[in-house]
Amino acid sequence: TPLAAVQEVAGVVQPAQPRDVENIRALLAEPDRLLAAADEDVPQADQFVHLQRMLDGGRLGDLMLLWTAHGLEGLCQIIFPDSALPVERTFPWTLPRPWSALGPVLARKDIFSWGAGALVDASLRRLHNNGINVCVAPSITRTTTWEEYGFRVYRRWQPFIKPLP
């Protein structure tokens, strides 16, 4: 069930096509204009590296793109059971099969409040339409936004640090 806040958006979310690669590269070339839904903060460099690898040989259909009248405004990666990055590497705990994950969700700062929501909503619909009814969102530190979509904390991650001499 979509949230009331994302039922009416000023854009369209659809899977990426080969013709979209240059637009995606242009969006990723401006990291200071993007926010990441994982932390509602500036995206991490490793997210960009991973997304660049997808553009250089990954399955483009695993990316959902948000298009507005201004062009490409955001993207969300869906990790399917048969994606190049296995879901088990994203979230190594047992869940009911089939299950999937949402990778980085990035949107421009000026439309982030509704853009990230539109991307998550469309991505969850796509998973559901493909017979997947369990989804994780790894690397989330601020859960409030995600709880609006029905996500709940499954396991808490704990960082381990070893000081090196």
Foldseek 3Di string as FASTA:
>chain_A
DADPLQPDDQWDKAQDDLVCLVVVVVVLVCQVQKAWPLERHRDDPVLSVVVVVCSVDWDRRQKIFIQHPVGTFWIKGKFFCPGPPHVCVQPVDDDPPPEIEIEITMGGPVCVVRRSSNRVVVSCVVCVVVVHDHYYYPNHDDCPVVVVVVDDDDDDDDDDDDDDD
